Amino acid sequence: MIRSWLVAGSLILLTIGVLLWRKETAPPPSGSPLLAPAPLAAPTMRKADPLHATKQSYSSISLSALNDPAVAPEKKVRRVYELVQNYSMVMKSRSRIPLSTNAEITQALTGKNILGEVFIPSDHASISAAGELLDAWQTPYFFHALGADSWEVVSAGPDRIQFNADDLIFPPSQNPSSLRPVGRSGK
């Protein structure tokens, strides 16, 4: 009985995930207004100055905007997090997020997964020749696992050096395993 409920729930989540993905990739009908998804918390920059510690909202962006220099890097980090989150929701009962390299996570997102679901096209401009998803400064994202079902996406920031003060991290977290420096709440 429980197993049949789990199978039914998984199928419903898979259907919703596919419908949302197709809705995102399909152009809107002419004359229809675009509705922005509800904003999540903003990525946190690891700087101590108060300008970067303020709370802001960043709406989700389209996949094409990942490679657009006019789009704020914070929005791009959040969008990459959303891609991995969507993968996790659709694949939850079949496979876990690959807790390994950027290239392996990118392969899973481009359809090399048990269902063959594509979350980002393999020829997307934000994917390097080495098969890694790149941030706004053409540096591979770092996918930091906080637990089996929890992670954060880290961009090296404008200096292109990982794990220092200008990194962009999403989502804001209270998790003690976070890469945020001690004393930063992520709010």
N, C-alpha and C. Protein backbone atom coordinates (compact mmCIF):
# COMPACT_ATOMS: atom_id res chain seq x y z
N MET A 1 0.83 -1.20 0.00
CA MET A 1 0.00 0.00 0.00
C MET A 1 0.87 1.26 0.00
N ILE A 2 1.85 1.31 0.91
CA ILE A 2 2.73 2.48 1.00
C ILE A 2 3.54 2.60 -0.28
N ARG A 3 4.00 1.46 -0.79
CA ARG A 3 4.81 1.48 -2.01
C ARG A 3 4.00 2.06 -3.18
N SER A 4 2.71 1.68 -3.29
CA SER A 4 1.90 2.21 -4.40
C SER A 4 1.68 3.71 -4.24
N TRP A 5 1.56 4.20 -3.02
CA TRP A 5 1.43 5.65 -2.80
C TRP A 5 2.72 6.37 -3.18
N LEU A 6 3.87 5.75 -2.85
CA LEU A 6 5.15 6.35 -3.22
C LEU A 6 5.33 6.40 -4.72
N VAL A 7 4.94 5.32 -5.40
CA VAL A 7 5.03 5.30 -6.87
C VAL A 7 4.11 6.36 -7.46
N ALA A 8 2.89 6.46 -6.96
CA ALA A 8 1.94 7.45 -7.46
C ALA A 8 2.46 8.87 -7.21
N GLY A 9 2.99 9.10 -6.03
CA GLY A 9 3.55 10.43 -5.71
C GLY A 9 4.74 10.76 -6.60
N SER A 10 5.59 9.79 -6.85
CA SER A 10 6.75 10.02 -7.72
C SER A 10 6.31 10.36 -9.13
N LEU A 11 5.31 9.66 -9.62
CA LEU A 11 4.81 9.95 -10.97
C LEU A 11 4.20 11.35 -11.06
N ILE A 12 3.51 11.75 -10.02
CA ILE A 12 2.93 13.10 -10.01
C ILE A 12 4.03 14.15 -10.02
N LEU A 13 5.07 13.97 -9.18
CA LEU A 13 6.18 14.92 -9.15
C LEU A 13 6.92 14.95 -10.48
N LEU A 14 7.11 13.80 -11.09
CA LEU A 14 7.77 13.73 -12.39
C LEU A 14 6.95 14.49 -13.43
N THR A 15 5.66 14.28 -13.44
CA THR A 15 4.79 14.96 -14.40
C THR A 15 4.85 16.47 -14.19
N ILE A 16 4.79 16.92 -12.96
CA ILE A 16 4.86 18.35 -12.66
C ILE A 16 6.20 18.91 -13.11
N GLY A 17 7.29 18.20 -12.82
CA GLY A 17 8.62 18.66 -13.23
C GLY A 17 8.74 18.78 -14.73
N VAL A 18 8.24 17.79 -15.46
CA VAL A 18 8.30 17.83 -16.93
C VAL A 18 7.46 18.98 -17.46
N LEU A 19 6.26 19.16 -16.91
CA LEU A 19 5.39 20.24 -17.36
C LEU A 19 6.02 21.60 -17.09
N LEU A 20 6.63 21.77 -15.93
CA LEU A 20 7.27 23.05 -15.62
C LEU A 20 8.47 23.28 -16.53
N TRP A 21 9.24 22.23 -16.81
CA TRP A 21 10.40 22.38 -17.69
C TRP A 21 9.94 22.74 -19.09
N ARG A 22 8.93 22.08 -19.59
CA ARG A 22 8.44 22.37 -20.94
C ARG A 22 7.82 23.76 -21.00
N LYS A 23 7.14 24.16 -19.94
CA LYS A 23 6.56 25.49 -19.91
C LYS A 23 7.65 26.55 -19.98
N GLU A 24 8.79 26.28 -19.29
CA GLU A 24 9.90 27.24 -19.28
C GLU A 24 10.55 27.33 -20.66
N THR A 25 10.68 26.22 -21.36
CA THR A 25 11.39 26.22 -22.63
C THR A 25 10.50 26.63 -23.79
N ALA A 26 9.18 26.57 -23.63
CA ALA A 26 8.27 26.95 -24.71
C ALA A 26 8.04 28.46 -24.68
N PRO A 27 7.98 29.09 -25.86
CA PRO A 27 7.68 30.51 -25.87
C PRO A 27 6.24 30.74 -25.44
N PRO A 28 5.96 31.84 -24.75
CA PRO A 28 4.60 32.10 -24.31
C PRO A 28 3.72 32.42 -25.52
N PRO A 29 2.42 32.11 -25.41
CA PRO A 29 1.52 32.46 -26.50
C PRO A 29 1.52 33.97 -26.70
N SER A 30 1.34 34.39 -27.94
CA SER A 30 1.37 35.84 -28.20
C SER A 30 0.28 36.53 -27.42
N GLY A 31 0.63 37.66 -26.86
CA GLY A 31 -0.32 38.45 -26.09
C GLY A 31 -0.46 38.01 -24.65
N SER A 32 0.20 36.90 -24.22
CA SER A 32 0.04 36.49 -22.84
C SER A 32 1.16 37.10 -21.99
N PRO A 33 0.83 37.60 -20.82
CA PRO A 33 1.86 38.20 -19.97
C PRO A 33 2.74 37.11 -19.36
N LEU A 34 4.01 37.43 -19.17
CA LEU A 34 4.92 36.50 -18.51
C LEU A 34 4.76 36.67 -17.01
N LEU A 35 4.61 35.57 -16.31
CA LEU A 35 4.51 35.61 -14.86
C LEU A 35 5.83 35.18 -14.27
N ALA A 36 6.38 35.98 -13.41
CA ALA A 36 7.65 35.64 -12.76
C ALA A 36 7.36 34.75 -11.57
N PRO A 37 8.20 33.72 -11.35
CA PRO A 37 8.01 32.88 -10.17
C PRO A 37 8.28 33.68 -8.89
N ALA A 38 7.74 33.18 -7.80
CA ALA A 38 7.95 33.84 -6.52
C ALA A 38 9.44 33.91 -6.20
N PRO A 39 9.93 35.06 -5.75
CA PRO A 39 11.37 35.19 -5.48
C PRO A 39 11.80 34.37 -4.27
N LEU A 40 13.00 33.81 -4.36
CA LEU A 40 13.64 33.15 -3.23
C LEU A 40 14.61 34.14 -2.60
N ALA A 41 15.22 33.73 -1.53
CA ALA A 41 16.21 34.60 -0.89
C ALA A 41 17.40 34.79 -1.83
N ALA A 42 18.05 35.90 -1.68
CA ALA A 42 19.17 36.24 -2.56
C ALA A 42 20.43 35.46 -2.19
N PRO A 43 21.28 35.20 -3.19
CA PRO A 43 22.58 34.62 -2.87
C PRO A 43 23.36 35.58 -1.98
N THR A 44 24.23 35.05 -1.18
CA THR A 44 25.00 35.87 -0.27
C THR A 44 26.42 36.01 -0.78
N MET A 45 26.90 37.24 -0.84
CA MET A 45 28.31 37.44 -1.17
C MET A 45 29.07 37.37 0.14
N ARG A 46 30.22 36.72 0.11
CA ARG A 46 31.00 36.56 1.33
C ARG A 46 31.88 37.78 1.55
N LYS A 47 31.29 38.94 1.71
CA LYS A 47 32.03 40.15 2.04
C LYS A 47 31.48 40.67 3.35
N ALA A 48 32.31 41.32 4.10
CA ALA A 48 31.90 41.80 5.41
C ALA A 48 31.21 43.16 5.35
N ASP A 49 31.31 43.85 4.19
CA ASP A 49 30.74 45.20 4.18
C ASP A 49 29.21 45.15 4.15
N PRO A 50 28.54 46.13 4.74
CA PRO A 50 27.10 46.11 4.87
C PRO A 50 26.35 46.18 3.55
N LEU A 51 26.96 46.68 2.49
CA LEU A 51 26.27 46.74 1.20
C LEU A 51 25.92 45.36 0.68
N HIS A 52 26.75 44.38 0.96
CA HIS A 52 26.50 43.03 0.48
C HIS A 52 25.72 42.19 1.49
N ALA A 53 25.51 42.71 2.66
CA ALA A 53 24.79 41.97 3.68
C ALA A 53 23.29 42.27 3.67
N THR A 54 22.86 43.20 2.82
CA THR A 54 21.44 43.54 2.79
C THR A 54 20.64 42.46 2.11
N LYS A 55 19.38 42.35 2.48
CA LYS A 55 18.49 41.35 1.93
C LYS A 55 17.90 41.89 0.63
N GLN A 56 17.98 41.11 -0.44
CA GLN A 56 17.40 41.48 -1.71
C GLN A 56 16.68 40.29 -2.29
N SER A 57 15.80 40.53 -3.26
CA SER A 57 15.08 39.46 -3.93
C SER A 57 15.57 39.35 -5.36
N TYR A 58 15.78 38.15 -5.81
CA TYR A 58 16.19 37.92 -7.18
C TYR A 58 15.20 36.97 -7.82
N SER A 59 14.55 37.42 -8.87
CA SER A 59 13.62 36.55 -9.58
C SER A 59 14.41 35.54 -10.38
N SER A 60 13.77 34.42 -10.64
CA SER A 60 14.40 33.40 -11.47
C SER A 60 14.57 33.94 -12.88
N ILE A 61 15.56 33.40 -13.59
CA ILE A 61 15.83 33.84 -14.95
C ILE A 61 15.71 32.65 -15.89
N SER A 62 15.61 32.92 -17.18
CA SER A 62 15.52 31.85 -18.16
C SER A 62 16.89 31.20 -18.35
N LEU A 63 16.88 30.03 -18.96
CA LEU A 63 18.15 29.35 -19.23
C LEU A 63 19.04 30.17 -20.15
N SER A 64 18.43 30.86 -21.11
CA SER A 64 19.25 31.65 -22.05
C SER A 64 19.97 32.79 -21.33
N ALA A 65 19.42 33.26 -20.22
CA ALA A 65 20.04 34.37 -19.49
C ALA A 65 21.29 33.94 -18.73
N LEU A 66 21.53 32.63 -18.59
CA LEU A 66 22.74 32.17 -17.91
C LEU A 66 24.00 32.66 -18.61
N ASN A 67 23.89 32.92 -19.89
CA ASN A 67 25.05 33.36 -20.66
C ASN A 67 24.97 34.84 -21.04
N ASP A 68 24.01 35.56 -20.48
CA ASP A 68 23.79 36.96 -20.82
C ASP A 68 24.60 37.84 -19.87
N PRO A 69 25.57 38.62 -20.39
CA PRO A 69 26.38 39.47 -19.50
C PRO A 69 25.58 40.56 -18.79
N ALA A 70 24.39 40.88 -19.28
CA ALA A 70 23.58 41.92 -18.66
C ALA A 70 22.83 41.42 -17.42
N VAL A 71 22.79 40.10 -17.22
CA VAL A 71 22.07 39.53 -16.08
C VAL A 71 23.01 39.45 -14.88
N ALA A 72 22.51 39.84 -13.72
CA ALA A 72 23.31 39.84 -12.49
C ALA A 72 23.83 38.43 -12.18
N PRO A 73 25.10 38.31 -11.83
CA PRO A 73 25.67 37.00 -11.49
C PRO A 73 24.92 36.29 -10.36
N GLU A 74 24.38 37.05 -9.41
CA GLU A 74 23.62 36.44 -8.31
C GLU A 74 22.41 35.68 -8.84
N LYS A 75 21.76 36.23 -9.86
CA LYS A 75 20.61 35.56 -10.45
C LYS A 75 21.03 34.28 -11.15
N LYS A 76 22.21 34.27 -11.75
CA LYS A 76 22.70 33.09 -12.45
C LYS A 76 23.01 31.96 -11.46
N VAL A 77 23.61 32.29 -10.33
CA VAL A 77 23.91 31.28 -9.32
C VAL A 77 22.60 30.67 -8.81
N ARG A 78 21.62 31.50 -8.57
CA ARG A 78 20.33 30.99 -8.11
C ARG A 78 19.71 30.08 -9.15
N ARG A 79 19.79 30.44 -10.43
CA ARG A 79 19.19 29.63 -11.50
C ARG A 79 19.86 28.28 -11.61
N VAL A 80 21.18 28.22 -11.44
CA VAL A 80 21.89 26.94 -11.46
C VAL A 80 21.44 26.08 -10.28
N TYR A 81 21.26 26.70 -9.12
CA TYR A 81 20.74 25.98 -7.95
C TYR A 81 19.36 25.40 -8.28
N GLU A 82 18.51 26.19 -8.92
CA GLU A 82 17.17 25.73 -9.28
C GLU A 82 17.23 24.53 -10.23
N LEU A 83 18.18 24.55 -11.17
CA LEU A 83 18.33 23.42 -12.09
C LEU A 83 18.63 22.13 -11.31
N VAL A 84 19.56 22.21 -10.37
CA VAL A 84 19.92 21.03 -9.58
C VAL A 84 18.76 20.63 -8.68
N GLN A 85 18.05 21.60 -8.14
CA GLN A 85 16.89 21.31 -7.29
C GLN A 85 15.80 20.61 -8.11
N ASN A 86 15.54 21.07 -9.33
CA ASN A 86 14.55 20.43 -10.19
C ASN A 86 14.98 19.00 -10.52
N TYR A 87 16.25 18.82 -10.83
CA TYR A 87 16.77 17.47 -11.09
C TYR A 87 16.49 16.58 -9.88
N SER A 88 16.80 17.09 -8.70
CA SER A 88 16.62 16.32 -7.48
C SER A 88 15.16 15.92 -7.27
N MET A 89 14.24 16.86 -7.52
CA MET A 89 12.82 16.55 -7.32
C MET A 89 12.33 15.50 -8.31
N VAL A 90 12.72 15.60 -9.56
CA VAL A 90 12.25 14.67 -10.58
C VAL A 90 12.88 13.29 -10.38
N MET A 91 14.14 13.26 -10.00
CA MET A 91 14.87 12.00 -9.90
C MET A 91 14.88 11.39 -8.50
N LYS A 92 14.25 12.02 -7.56
CA LYS A 92 14.34 11.63 -6.15
C LYS A 92 14.20 10.13 -5.92
N SER A 93 13.20 9.50 -6.50
CA SER A 93 12.98 8.08 -6.23
C SER A 93 13.87 7.18 -7.08
N ARG A 94 14.56 7.75 -8.07
CA ARG A 94 15.35 6.92 -8.98
C ARG A 94 16.85 7.05 -8.76
N SER A 95 17.31 8.22 -8.50
CA SER A 95 18.74 8.41 -8.27
C SER A 95 18.96 9.70 -7.50
N ARG A 96 20.00 9.75 -6.78
CA ARG A 96 20.37 10.94 -6.01
C ARG A 96 21.14 11.91 -6.89
N ILE A 97 21.31 13.12 -6.40
CA ILE A 97 22.16 14.09 -7.08
C ILE A 97 23.56 13.49 -7.11
N PRO A 98 24.22 13.52 -8.25
CA PRO A 98 25.58 12.99 -8.25
C PRO A 98 26.48 13.86 -7.37
N LEU A 99 26.91 13.33 -6.25
CA LEU A 99 27.73 14.10 -5.33
C LEU A 99 29.19 13.98 -5.76
N SER A 100 29.51 14.67 -6.83
CA SER A 100 30.86 14.57 -7.36
C SER A 100 31.23 15.85 -8.08
N THR A 101 31.72 15.73 -9.28
CA THR A 101 32.28 16.88 -9.99
C THR A 101 31.23 17.69 -10.73
N ASN A 102 31.59 18.90 -11.09
CA ASN A 102 30.75 19.77 -11.89
C ASN A 102 30.39 19.05 -13.20
N ALA A 103 31.37 18.43 -13.85
CA ALA A 103 31.13 17.76 -15.13
C ALA A 103 30.10 16.64 -14.99
N GLU A 104 30.15 15.86 -13.91
CA GLU A 104 29.19 14.78 -13.72
C GLU A 104 27.79 15.31 -13.42
N ILE A 105 27.71 16.38 -12.65
CA ILE A 105 26.41 17.00 -12.38
C ILE A 105 25.85 17.59 -13.67
N THR A 106 26.70 18.24 -14.46
CA THR A 106 26.27 18.82 -15.73
C THR A 106 25.79 17.72 -16.68
N GLN A 107 26.48 16.59 -16.72
CA GLN A 107 26.02 15.47 -17.55
C GLN A 107 24.62 15.02 -17.15
N ALA A 108 24.38 14.91 -15.85
CA ALA A 108 23.06 14.51 -15.36
C ALA A 108 22.00 15.53 -15.78
N LEU A 109 22.34 16.82 -15.70
CA LEU A 109 21.40 17.87 -16.07
C LEU A 109 21.13 17.90 -17.58
N THR A 110 22.09 17.45 -18.38
CA THR A 110 21.93 17.49 -19.83
C THR A 110 21.30 16.21 -20.39
N GLY A 111 20.79 15.36 -19.53
CA GLY A 111 20.03 14.20 -20.00
C GLY A 111 20.71 12.86 -19.80
N LYS A 112 21.92 12.85 -19.31
CA LYS A 112 22.60 11.57 -19.05
C LYS A 112 22.22 11.13 -17.64
N ASN A 113 20.94 10.79 -17.49
CA ASN A 113 20.39 10.34 -16.23
C ASN A 113 19.45 9.18 -16.52
N ILE A 114 18.97 8.53 -15.50
CA ILE A 114 18.19 7.30 -15.65
C ILE A 114 16.91 7.49 -16.49
N LEU A 115 16.32 8.68 -16.48
CA LEU A 115 15.11 8.94 -17.25
C LEU A 115 15.40 9.63 -18.59
N GLY A 116 16.63 10.07 -18.78
CA GLY A 116 16.95 10.80 -20.01
C GLY A 116 16.34 12.19 -20.03
N GLU A 117 15.95 12.72 -18.86
CA GLU A 117 15.35 14.05 -18.78
C GLU A 117 16.42 15.12 -18.96
N VAL A 118 16.12 16.10 -19.79
CA VAL A 118 17.04 17.19 -20.07
C VAL A 118 16.58 18.43 -19.30
N PHE A 119 17.45 18.94 -18.44
CA PHE A 119 17.16 20.14 -17.66
C PHE A 119 17.84 21.36 -18.25
N ILE A 120 18.91 21.14 -19.01
CA ILE A 120 19.61 22.19 -19.73
C ILE A 120 20.21 21.52 -20.97
N PRO A 121 20.09 22.15 -22.15
CA PRO A 121 20.63 21.52 -23.36
C PRO A 121 22.15 21.36 -23.28
N SER A 122 22.64 20.26 -23.82
CA SER A 122 24.08 19.98 -23.76
C SER A 122 24.92 20.97 -24.56
N ASP A 123 24.28 21.69 -25.50
CA ASP A 123 25.01 22.68 -26.29
C ASP A 123 24.81 24.11 -25.76
N HIS A 124 24.32 24.23 -24.51
CA HIS A 124 24.09 25.55 -23.92
C HIS A 124 25.42 26.31 -23.82
N ALA A 125 25.39 27.59 -24.09
CA ALA A 125 26.60 28.42 -24.10
C ALA A 125 27.30 28.49 -22.74
N SER A 126 26.61 28.18 -21.64
CA SER A 126 27.23 28.22 -20.32
C SER A 126 27.93 26.91 -19.96
N ILE A 127 27.94 25.96 -20.88
CA ILE A 127 28.64 24.70 -20.65
C ILE A 127 29.94 24.72 -21.44
N SER A 128 31.05 24.50 -20.76
CA SER A 128 32.38 24.56 -21.39
C SER A 128 32.63 23.35 -22.27
N ALA A 129 33.71 23.42 -23.04
CA ALA A 129 34.12 22.29 -23.88
C ALA A 129 34.44 21.07 -23.01
N ALA A 130 34.84 21.30 -21.76
CA ALA A 130 35.13 20.21 -20.83
C ALA A 130 33.86 19.65 -20.20
N GLY A 131 32.69 20.21 -20.56
CA GLY A 131 31.43 19.72 -20.04
C GLY A 131 31.08 20.22 -18.65
N GLU A 132 31.60 21.39 -18.27
CA GLU A 132 31.30 21.96 -16.96
C GLU A 132 30.42 23.20 -17.11
N LEU A 133 29.53 23.38 -16.16
CA LEU A 133 28.66 24.56 -16.13
C LEU A 133 29.48 25.72 -15.58
N LEU A 134 29.51 26.83 -16.32
CA LEU A 134 30.37 27.97 -15.96
C LEU A 134 29.57 29.13 -15.39
N ASP A 135 30.21 29.88 -14.49
CA ASP A 135 29.58 31.05 -13.90
C ASP A 135 29.78 32.28 -14.80
N ALA A 136 29.40 33.43 -14.32
CA ALA A 136 29.47 34.67 -15.10
C ALA A 136 30.89 35.05 -15.50
N TRP A 137 31.89 34.53 -14.80
CA TRP A 137 33.29 34.84 -15.07
C TRP A 137 34.01 33.68 -15.77
N GLN A 138 33.22 32.76 -16.33
CA GLN A 138 33.72 31.60 -17.07
C GLN A 138 34.56 30.65 -16.20
N THR A 139 34.20 30.55 -14.94
CA THR A 139 34.82 29.63 -14.00
C THR A 139 33.80 28.55 -13.65
N PRO A 140 34.20 27.28 -13.58
CA PRO A 140 33.24 26.23 -13.22
C PRO A 140 32.63 26.46 -11.84
N TYR A 141 31.31 26.24 -11.75
CA TYR A 141 30.64 26.30 -10.45
C TYR A 141 31.17 25.16 -9.58
N PHE A 142 31.10 25.36 -8.27
CA PHE A 142 31.42 24.31 -7.32
C PHE A 142 30.11 23.92 -6.65
N PHE A 143 29.77 22.64 -6.70
CA PHE A 143 28.55 22.13 -6.08
C PHE A 143 28.96 21.50 -4.75
N HIS A 144 28.61 22.20 -3.66
CA HIS A 144 29.03 21.77 -2.32
C HIS A 144 27.90 21.02 -1.64
N ALA A 145 28.12 19.72 -1.42
CA ALA A 145 27.12 18.90 -0.74
C ALA A 145 27.13 19.20 0.74
N LEU A 146 25.95 19.50 1.27
CA LEU A 146 25.81 19.73 2.71
C LEU A 146 25.24 18.49 3.39
N GLY A 147 24.65 17.61 2.59
CA GLY A 147 24.03 16.38 3.06
C GLY A 147 23.48 15.64 1.86
N ALA A 148 22.80 14.53 2.09
CA ALA A 148 22.30 13.71 0.98
C ALA A 148 21.34 14.48 0.08
N ASP A 149 20.51 15.33 0.64
CA ASP A 149 19.52 16.07 -0.15
C ASP A 149 19.69 17.57 -0.04
N SER A 150 20.87 18.03 0.28
CA SER A 150 21.07 19.45 0.49
C SER A 150 22.43 19.85 -0.06
N TRP A 151 22.48 20.98 -0.73
CA TRP A 151 23.71 21.44 -1.35
C TRP A 151 23.66 22.94 -1.50
N GLU A 152 24.79 23.51 -1.85
CA GLU A 152 24.85 24.92 -2.21
C GLU A 152 25.69 25.03 -3.47
N VAL A 153 25.38 26.04 -4.27
CA VAL A 153 26.11 26.29 -5.50
C VAL A 153 27.02 27.48 -5.24
N VAL A 154 28.30 27.32 -5.60
CA VAL A 154 29.30 28.35 -5.32
C VAL A 154 29.92 28.83 -6.63
N SER A 155 29.89 30.15 -6.83
CA SER A 155 30.59 30.78 -7.94
C SER A 155 31.85 31.41 -7.36
N ALA A 156 32.96 31.29 -8.06
CA ALA A 156 34.23 31.83 -7.57
C ALA A 156 34.24 33.35 -7.50
N GLY A 157 33.29 33.99 -8.15
CA GLY A 157 33.22 35.45 -8.11
C GLY A 157 34.16 36.10 -9.10
N PRO A 158 34.22 37.43 -9.08
CA PRO A 158 34.98 38.17 -10.09
C PRO A 158 36.49 37.88 -10.09
N ASP A 159 37.06 37.46 -8.96
CA ASP A 159 38.50 37.18 -8.97
C ASP A 159 38.82 35.78 -9.50
N ARG A 160 37.80 34.98 -9.75
CA ARG A 160 37.91 33.63 -10.31
C ARG A 160 38.68 32.66 -9.41
N ILE A 161 38.75 32.97 -8.13
CA ILE A 161 39.43 32.11 -7.17
C ILE A 161 38.39 31.59 -6.18
N GLN A 162 38.27 30.27 -6.08
CA GLN A 162 37.29 29.66 -5.18
C GLN A 162 37.68 29.86 -3.72
N PHE A 163 36.65 29.89 -2.86
CA PHE A 163 36.78 29.86 -1.40
C PHE A 163 37.46 31.09 -0.81
N ASN A 164 37.07 32.26 -1.32
CA ASN A 164 37.54 33.49 -0.68
C ASN A 164 36.38 34.47 -0.56
N ALA A 165 36.65 35.70 -0.19
CA ALA A 165 35.63 36.66 0.22
C ALA A 165 34.63 37.06 -0.86
N ASP A 166 34.97 36.96 -2.14
CA ASP A 166 34.02 37.45 -3.15
C ASP A 166 33.16 36.35 -3.77
N ASP A 167 33.23 35.14 -3.26
CA ASP A 167 32.41 34.04 -3.80
C ASP A 167 30.93 34.35 -3.65
N LEU A 168 30.13 33.89 -4.61
CA LEU A 168 28.68 33.97 -4.53
C LEU A 168 28.17 32.58 -4.19
N ILE A 169 27.30 32.48 -3.18
CA ILE A 169 26.81 31.19 -2.72
C ILE A 169 25.28 31.24 -2.65
N PHE A 170 24.64 30.19 -3.21
CA PHE A 170 23.20 30.06 -3.09
C PHE A 170 22.89 28.62 -2.71
N PRO A 171 21.96 28.39 -1.78
CA PRO A 171 21.09 29.33 -1.09
C PRO A 171 21.74 29.85 0.19
N PRO A 172 21.19 30.96 0.69
CA PRO A 172 21.63 31.40 2.01
C PRO A 172 21.34 30.28 3.00
N SER A 173 22.25 30.02 3.93
CA SER A 173 22.12 28.83 4.77
C SER A 173 22.54 29.09 6.20
N GLN A 174 21.93 28.35 7.10
CA GLN A 174 22.35 28.34 8.50
C GLN A 174 23.13 27.07 8.79
N ASN A 175 23.30 26.21 7.77
CA ASN A 175 23.95 24.92 7.94
C ASN A 175 25.41 25.11 8.36
N PRO A 176 25.86 24.43 9.42
CA PRO A 176 27.24 24.59 9.86
C PRO A 176 28.26 24.05 8.84
N SER A 177 27.80 23.23 7.89
CA SER A 177 28.71 22.70 6.86
C SER A 177 28.86 23.66 5.69
N SER A 178 28.16 24.78 5.72
CA SER A 178 28.21 25.75 4.63
C SER A 178 29.62 26.29 4.47
N LEU A 179 29.91 26.75 3.26
CA LEU A 179 31.21 27.35 2.98
C LEU A 179 31.29 28.80 3.43
N ARG A 180 30.20 29.34 3.97
CA ARG A 180 30.22 30.72 4.45
C ARG A 180 31.14 30.85 5.65
N PRO A 181 31.80 31.97 5.76
CA PRO A 181 32.66 32.17 6.94
C PRO A 181 31.85 32.27 8.21
N VAL A 182 32.46 31.92 9.31
CA VAL A 182 31.80 31.99 10.61
C VAL A 182 31.34 33.41 10.87
N GLY A 183 30.13 33.53 11.43
CA GLY A 183 29.61 34.86 11.75
C GLY A 183 28.68 35.41 10.70
N ARG A 184 28.62 34.80 9.51
CA ARG A 184 27.69 35.26 8.46
C ARG A 184 26.47 34.37 8.50
N SER A 185 25.32 34.94 8.62
CA SER A 185 24.09 34.16 8.71
C SER A 185 23.53 33.84 7.34
N GLY A 186 23.94 34.54 6.29
CA GLY A 186 23.40 34.32 4.96
C GLY A 186 22.12 35.08 4.71
N LYS A 187 21.73 35.95 5.64
CA LYS A 187 20.50 36.72 5.44
C LYS A 187 20.81 38.04 4.80
